[in-house]
Amino acid sequence: MTHPTPSLHIVALGEAMVEFNQRPHEHADDAPLYLQGFGGDTSNAAIAAARAGASVAYLTRLGTDLWGDRLMDLWQRENVDTTAVLRERQAPTGIYFVSHDAQGHHFSYARAGSAASRMQPQDLSHWGDAIAQSRWLHLSGISLAISATACDAAFAAMQHARSVGTQVALDSNLRLSLWPLARAQACIRHAVSLCDLFLPSLEDMTALTGLSQAQDIIAWSHAQGAAQVVLKLGADGALASDGQSQRQVPGHAVQAVDATGAGDCFAGNLLARLAAGDDLWTATAYANAAASLSVQGFGAVAPLPRRDDVLNVLNSASKGTPA
């Protein structure tokens, strides 16, 4: 089944959160300072897609607290449709902290019992129309991990999408602080069987499957049922496969300061370009360039690039000059 004329390019489902991102110390004994921003993987991807020019909506539950109001304001500023967002009086909006050291960035969450964790399959009565009106439904491993009812809601949304001809994209985004490995393995494997496009990372898939070679991970992903796979390789770029052929998209040499939202930026830009009609290889190259820009600023949302900035990187790369 295909859409006659979808009114949305992308609808994303998951948990949006308030972010407190640690700023660099000027002196070793300074107390840490945190920059308040916003995050949540699928929300970041939705905003990235909107900045790339896609028409986007978001599906979640939010608290009726100040932070929930701020997130609603953010989406409205970023042209992300909030019509189907549910507000929850009995639970708060989630919060997380990002710290940085020589090993990279680390997350600490205050999200137990959050409004988004109370998502359930019955919420599809509010979300079904948006899913049916979209080319893509985007979810992640975190959408599945935050609670058993949220996992059930995500599966119901994916099954509904397939029944109405909406394509499904899944980012692996494995967070073992949220659920046991055995449950993550079972749920993500099932989710991959329901998706049209799988966006794993090398690190996630090694933890989930024990596989460490890119070709093996691509083969595993197709074997579960994903028609298209784009394996994110960090600074080394990405390996894209449509089941018939594969292409390696090289990374861009940049000075990375914070990779918090890089994978989400990649996902949102990839989906925006696929929805616009690009083939998998062209969309992957665009997404890779966008992600290289996102790691050069702090926070998940603030550094997400605009389309002109991404095109500048691509044009510079094609000429062999620095962006």
Protein backbone atom coordinates (compact mmCIF):
# COMPACT_ATOMS: atom_id res chain seq x y z
CA MET A 1 0.00 0.00 0.00
CA THR A 2 1.27 3.51 -0.79
CA HIS A 3 0.12 6.98 0.13
CA PRO A 4 -1.79 9.00 -2.43
CA THR A 5 -0.44 12.37 -1.19
CA PRO A 6 1.15 12.32 2.28
CA SER A 7 0.88 15.68 4.05
CA LEU A 8 3.90 14.98 6.29
CA HIS A 9 7.38 13.80 5.44
CA ILE A 10 8.28 12.42 8.87
CA VAL A 11 6.56 11.69 12.17
CA ALA A 12 8.84 10.74 15.07
CA LEU A 13 7.89 8.92 18.27
CA GLY A 14 9.78 8.80 21.56
CA GLU A 15 10.78 10.79 24.62
CA ALA A 16 11.86 14.41 24.53
CA MET A 17 13.84 15.65 27.51
CA VAL A 18 15.45 18.69 29.06
CA GLU A 19 19.23 18.62 28.75
CA PHE A 20 21.92 19.96 31.07
CA ASN A 21 25.23 19.77 29.20
CA GLN A 22 28.49 20.28 31.09
CA ARG A 23 30.61 23.12 29.78
CA PRO A 24 34.42 22.88 29.67
CA HIS A 25 36.31 23.76 32.88
CA GLU A 26 38.61 26.73 32.79
CA HIS A 27 40.40 25.37 35.87
CA ALA A 28 40.56 21.82 37.17
CA ASP A 29 39.04 22.73 40.55
CA ASP A 30 36.12 24.73 39.12
CA ALA A 31 32.60 23.55 39.96
CA PRO A 32 30.93 22.19 36.81
CA LEU A 33 28.63 24.52 34.90
CA TYR A 34 25.77 23.17 32.78
CA LEU A 35 24.14 24.69 29.73
CA GLN A 36 20.40 24.05 29.65
CA GLY A 37 19.09 22.78 26.35
CA PHE A 38 16.83 20.07 25.01
CA GLY A 39 17.34 16.51 23.87
CA GLY A 40 15.76 13.13 23.40
CA ASP A 41 16.96 11.22 20.37
CA THR A 42 13.86 11.17 18.18
CA SER A 43 13.02 14.78 19.07
CA ASN A 44 16.53 15.79 18.01
CA ALA A 45 16.04 13.88 14.76
CA ALA A 46 12.68 15.57 14.18
CA ILE A 47 14.22 19.03 14.62
CA ALA A 48 17.16 18.09 12.40
CA ALA A 49 14.73 16.98 9.69
CA ALA A 50 12.70 20.18 10.00
CA ARG A 51 15.86 22.29 9.68
CA ALA A 52 16.66 20.29 6.54
CA GLY A 53 13.33 21.38 5.06
CA ALA A 54 11.06 18.41 5.86
CA SER A 55 7.51 18.68 7.21
CA VAL A 56 7.63 16.95 10.60
CA ALA A 57 5.37 16.03 13.53
CA TYR A 58 6.23 14.58 16.95
CA LEU A 59 4.40 11.95 19.01
CA THR A 60 4.96 11.66 22.76
CA ARG A 61 3.63 12.36 26.21
CA LEU A 62 4.90 15.40 28.11
CA GLY A 63 4.36 16.62 31.65
CA THR A 64 2.15 19.64 32.21
CA ASP A 65 5.15 21.22 33.92
CA LEU A 66 7.36 24.16 32.93
CA TRP A 67 9.79 21.91 31.04
CA GLY A 68 6.96 20.41 29.02
CA ASP A 69 5.84 23.92 28.08
CA ARG A 70 9.38 24.80 27.05
CA LEU A 71 9.59 21.74 24.81
CA MET A 72 6.28 22.65 23.16
CA ASP A 73 7.67 26.14 22.54
CA LEU A 74 10.85 24.65 21.08
CA TRP A 75 8.98 22.45 18.60
CA GLN A 76 6.77 25.32 17.53
CA ARG A 77 9.86 27.48 16.91
CA GLU A 78 11.42 24.65 14.93
CA ASN A 79 8.29 24.01 12.81
CA VAL A 80 7.62 20.58 14.31
CA ASP A 81 3.88 19.88 14.49
CA THR A 82 2.72 19.22 18.08
CA THR A 83 -0.96 18.51 17.39
CA ALA A 84 -0.72 14.89 18.58
CA VAL A 85 1.48 15.51 21.66
CA LEU A 86 -0.32 14.33 24.81
CA ARG A 87 0.13 16.22 28.10
CA GLU A 88 0.33 14.20 31.33
CA ARG A 89 -0.69 15.77 34.65
CA GLN A 90 0.44 12.83 36.76
CA ALA A 91 4.09 12.62 35.66
CA PRO A 92 7.01 14.98 34.93
CA THR A 93 8.99 15.70 31.80
CA GLY A 94 12.30 13.80 31.81
CA ILE A 95 15.71 15.40 32.41
CA TYR A 96 19.25 14.27 31.64
CA PHE A 97 22.80 15.48 32.23
CA VAL A 98 25.79 15.18 29.89
CA SER A 99 29.34 15.16 31.24
CA HIS A 100 32.55 15.06 29.23
CA ASP A 101 36.00 13.58 29.81
CA ALA A 102 38.87 12.05 27.86
CA GLN A 103 36.72 8.99 27.10
CA GLY A 104 33.94 11.03 25.48
CA HIS A 105 30.46 12.05 26.65
CA HIS A 106 28.43 10.35 29.37
CA PHE A 107 24.71 10.51 30.17
CA SER A 108 22.97 10.59 33.55
CA TYR A 109 19.17 10.40 33.50
CA ALA A 110 16.36 11.63 35.74
CA ARG A 111 13.60 10.06 33.67
CA ALA A 112 12.15 7.22 35.81
CA GLY A 113 8.36 7.58 35.87
CA SER A 114 8.41 10.35 33.26
CA ALA A 115 5.35 11.29 31.26
CA ALA A 116 6.79 9.67 28.11
CA SER A 117 7.35 6.40 29.96
CA ARG A 118 3.56 6.27 30.43
CA MET A 119 2.93 6.01 26.69
CA GLN A 120 0.74 3.02 25.85
CA PRO A 121 -0.82 1.38 22.77
CA GLN A 122 -4.13 3.18 23.34
CA ASP A 123 -2.31 6.43 22.49
CA LEU A 124 -2.44 5.29 18.87
CA SER A 125 -6.01 6.63 18.81
CA HIS A 126 -4.42 10.11 18.97
CA TRP A 127 -1.47 9.32 16.72
CA GLY A 128 -2.89 7.12 13.98
CA ASP A 129 -3.88 9.92 11.62
CA ALA A 130 -0.45 11.59 11.79
CA ILE A 131 1.27 8.26 11.07
CA ALA A 132 -1.08 7.58 8.15
CA GLN A 133 -0.40 11.05 6.72
CA SER A 134 3.39 10.68 6.79
CA ARG A 135 5.94 9.13 4.44
CA TRP A 136 8.10 7.95 7.37
CA LEU A 137 7.64 6.96 11.01
CA HIS A 138 10.89 7.26 12.97
CA LEU A 139 11.62 5.50 16.28
CA SER A 140 14.64 4.30 18.22
CA GLY A 141 15.83 1.74 20.72
CA ILE A 142 15.19 4.33 23.41
CA SER A 143 11.56 4.64 22.30
CA LEU A 144 11.29 0.92 23.15
CA ALA A 145 13.40 0.98 26.33
CA ILE A 146 11.81 3.60 28.55
CA SER A 147 9.00 1.30 29.73
CA ALA A 148 7.13 -1.86 28.79
CA THR A 149 4.02 0.14 27.84
CA ALA A 150 6.08 2.56 25.73
CA CYS A 151 7.60 -0.45 23.95
CA ASP A 152 4.11 -1.81 23.26
CA ALA A 153 3.05 1.64 22.00
CA ALA A 154 6.06 1.77 19.67
CA PHE A 155 5.29 -1.68 18.24
CA ALA A 156 1.64 -0.71 17.75
CA ALA A 157 2.73 2.45 15.91
CA MET A 158 5.10 0.47 13.68
CA GLN A 159 2.44 -2.10 12.83
CA HIS A 160 -0.07 0.66 12.08
CA ALA A 161 2.47 2.39 9.84
CA ARG A 162 3.01 -0.79 7.85
CA SER A 163 -0.73 -1.29 7.48
CA VAL A 164 -1.24 2.19 5.97
CA GLY A 165 1.85 2.29 3.74
CA THR A 166 4.05 4.52 5.90
CA GLN A 167 7.70 3.48 5.87
CA VAL A 168 9.36 2.81 9.23
CA ALA A 169 12.87 3.89 10.25
CA LEU A 170 14.57 2.62 13.41
CA ASP A 171 17.75 3.94 15.04
CA SER A 172 19.37 1.31 17.28
CA ASN A 173 20.32 3.81 20.06
CA LEU A 174 21.08 1.16 22.67
CA ARG A 175 21.05 2.39 26.28
CA LEU A 176 21.71 -0.56 28.58
CA SER A 177 21.13 1.70 31.61
CA LEU A 178 17.44 1.58 30.65
CA TRP A 179 16.85 -2.16 30.20
CA PRO A 180 18.55 -5.56 30.44
CA LEU A 181 20.58 -6.75 27.46
CA ALA A 182 18.41 -9.83 26.86
CA ARG A 183 15.25 -7.71 26.61
CA ALA A 184 17.01 -5.17 24.40
CA GLN A 185 18.13 -7.96 22.07
CA ALA A 186 14.64 -9.43 21.76
CA CYS A 187 12.81 -6.11 21.34
CA ILE A 188 15.24 -4.52 18.91
CA ARG A 189 15.36 -7.69 16.80
CA HIS A 190 11.55 -7.61 16.56
CA ALA A 191 11.57 -3.89 15.78
CA VAL A 192 14.09 -4.41 12.96
CA SER A 193 11.70 -6.96 11.45
CA LEU A 194 9.06 -4.20 11.29
CA CYS A 195 11.24 -1.50 9.75
CA ASP A 196 12.10 -0.48 6.20
CA LEU A 197 15.27 1.36 7.17
CA PHE A 198 17.56 0.38 10.05
CA LEU A 199 20.17 2.84 11.37
CA PRO A 200 22.52 0.90 13.67
CA SER A 201 25.87 1.99 15.07
CA LEU A 202 28.89 -0.28 15.22
CA GLU A 203 29.11 0.00 19.02
CA ASP A 204 25.42 -0.80 19.53
CA MET A 205 25.48 -3.82 17.28
CA THR A 206 28.59 -5.31 18.85
CA ALA A 207 26.83 -5.12 22.23
CA LEU A 208 23.56 -6.50 20.83
CA THR A 209 24.85 -9.27 18.56
CA GLY A 210 28.52 -9.83 19.33
CA LEU A 211 29.32 -8.92 15.71
CA SER A 212 32.14 -6.45 15.13
CA GLN A 213 32.60 -6.48 11.35
CA ALA A 214 30.57 -4.02 9.30
CA GLN A 215 29.67 -6.58 6.63
CA ASP A 216 28.39 -9.03 9.24
CA ILE A 217 26.23 -6.36 10.86
CA ILE A 218 24.75 -5.36 7.50
CA ALA A 219 23.98 -9.03 6.75
CA TRP A 220 22.39 -9.56 10.18
CA SER A 221 20.19 -6.47 9.73
CA HIS A 222 18.92 -7.59 6.33
CA ALA A 223 18.32 -11.10 7.69
CA GLN A 224 15.99 -9.68 10.35
CA GLY A 225 13.92 -7.99 7.62
CA ALA A 226 15.27 -4.47 7.10
CA ALA A 227 15.23 -3.62 3.39
CA GLN A 228 17.71 -0.75 3.76
CA VAL A 229 20.52 -0.44 6.31
CA VAL A 230 22.85 2.47 7.03
CA LEU A 231 25.57 1.52 9.53
CA LYS A 232 26.95 4.58 11.32
CA LEU A 233 30.72 4.43 11.75
CA GLY A 234 31.39 7.73 13.55
CA ALA A 235 34.40 9.58 12.16
CA ASP A 236 34.74 6.90 9.48
CA GLY A 237 31.41 7.87 7.92
CA ALA A 238 28.72 5.30 7.12
CA LEU A 239 28.14 2.10 5.15
CA ALA A 240 24.81 2.04 3.29
CA SER A 241 23.13 -1.04 1.83
CA ASP A 242 19.88 -1.53 -0.07
CA GLY A 243 20.19 -5.32 -0.01
CA GLN A 244 21.57 -5.41 -3.55
CA SER A 245 24.63 -3.21 -3.29
CA GLN A 246 26.62 -1.34 -0.66
CA ARG A 247 28.50 1.94 -0.62
CA GLN A 248 30.91 3.38 1.92
CA VAL A 249 30.43 7.10 2.54
CA PRO A 250 33.62 8.57 4.03
CA GLY A 251 33.62 10.81 7.07
CA HIS A 252 34.59 14.49 7.21
CA ALA A 253 37.67 15.56 9.17
CA VAL A 254 36.45 18.01 11.81
CA GLN A 255 37.34 19.07 15.34
CA ALA A 256 34.60 17.39 17.38
CA VAL A 257 33.69 18.98 20.71
CA ASP A 258 30.41 17.21 21.57
CA ALA A 259 28.91 14.20 19.78
CA THR A 260 25.75 14.13 21.94
CA GLY A 261 23.27 14.46 19.08
CA ALA A 262 25.34 13.42 16.07
CA GLY A 263 23.49 10.16 15.39
CA ASP A 264 20.13 11.89 15.75
CA CYS A 265 21.25 14.63 13.37
CA PHE A 266 22.30 11.92 10.91
CA ALA A 267 18.93 10.15 11.15
CA GLY A 268 16.83 13.29 10.75
CA ASN A 269 18.78 14.56 7.75
CA LEU A 270 18.83 11.13 6.10
CA LEU A 271 15.05 10.83 6.39
CA ALA A 272 14.51 14.40 5.20
CA ARG A 273 16.47 13.71 2.04
CA LEU A 274 14.85 10.33 1.41
CA ALA A 275 11.44 11.98 1.81
CA ALA A 276 12.52 14.63 -0.70
CA GLY A 277 13.30 11.92 -3.24
CA ASP A 278 17.06 11.36 -2.90
CA ASP A 279 18.37 7.84 -3.35
CA LEU A 280 19.92 6.07 -0.35
CA TRP A 281 23.51 6.95 -1.31
CA THR A 282 22.86 10.66 -1.89
CA ALA A 283 20.82 10.92 1.31
CA THR A 284 23.56 9.16 3.31
CA ALA A 285 26.23 11.55 2.02
CA TYR A 286 24.04 14.52 2.97
CA ALA A 287 23.36 13.10 6.45
CA ASN A 288 27.04 12.43 6.99
CA ALA A 289 27.92 16.04 6.19
CA ALA A 290 25.17 17.29 8.51
CA ALA A 291 26.42 15.12 11.38
CA SER A 292 29.96 16.43 10.90
CA LEU A 293 28.64 19.93 11.54
CA SER A 294 26.60 18.93 14.59
CA VAL A 295 29.62 17.66 16.56
CA GLN A 296 31.30 21.06 16.38
CA GLY A 297 28.96 22.68 18.93
CA PHE A 298 27.68 21.84 22.41
CA GLY A 299 24.29 20.28 23.10
CA ALA A 300 21.93 18.09 21.14
CA VAL A 301 19.80 20.76 19.43
CA ALA A 302 21.75 24.02 19.16
CA PRO A 303 24.38 22.73 16.67
CA LEU A 304 21.92 20.99 14.33
CA PRO A 305 22.71 22.54 10.94
CA ARG A 306 20.53 24.28 8.39
CA ARG A 307 20.37 23.10 4.81
CA ASP A 308 22.63 25.83 3.40
CA ASP A 309 25.39 24.90 5.86
CA VAL A 310 25.24 21.24 4.84
CA LEU A 311 25.32 22.10 1.15
CA ASN A 312 28.40 24.24 1.81
CA VAL A 313 30.19 21.24 3.34
CA LEU A 314 29.21 19.01 0.43
CA ASN A 315 30.27 21.59 -2.15
CA SER A 316 33.59 22.14 -0.41
CA ALA A 317 34.20 18.40 -0.20
CA SER A 318 33.47 17.94 -3.89
CA LYS A 319 36.06 20.63 -4.68
CA GLY A 320 38.58 19.15 -2.24
CA THR A 321 38.67 22.29 -0.10
CA PRO A 322 37.93 22.69 3.63
CA ALA A 323 34.39 23.80 4.48
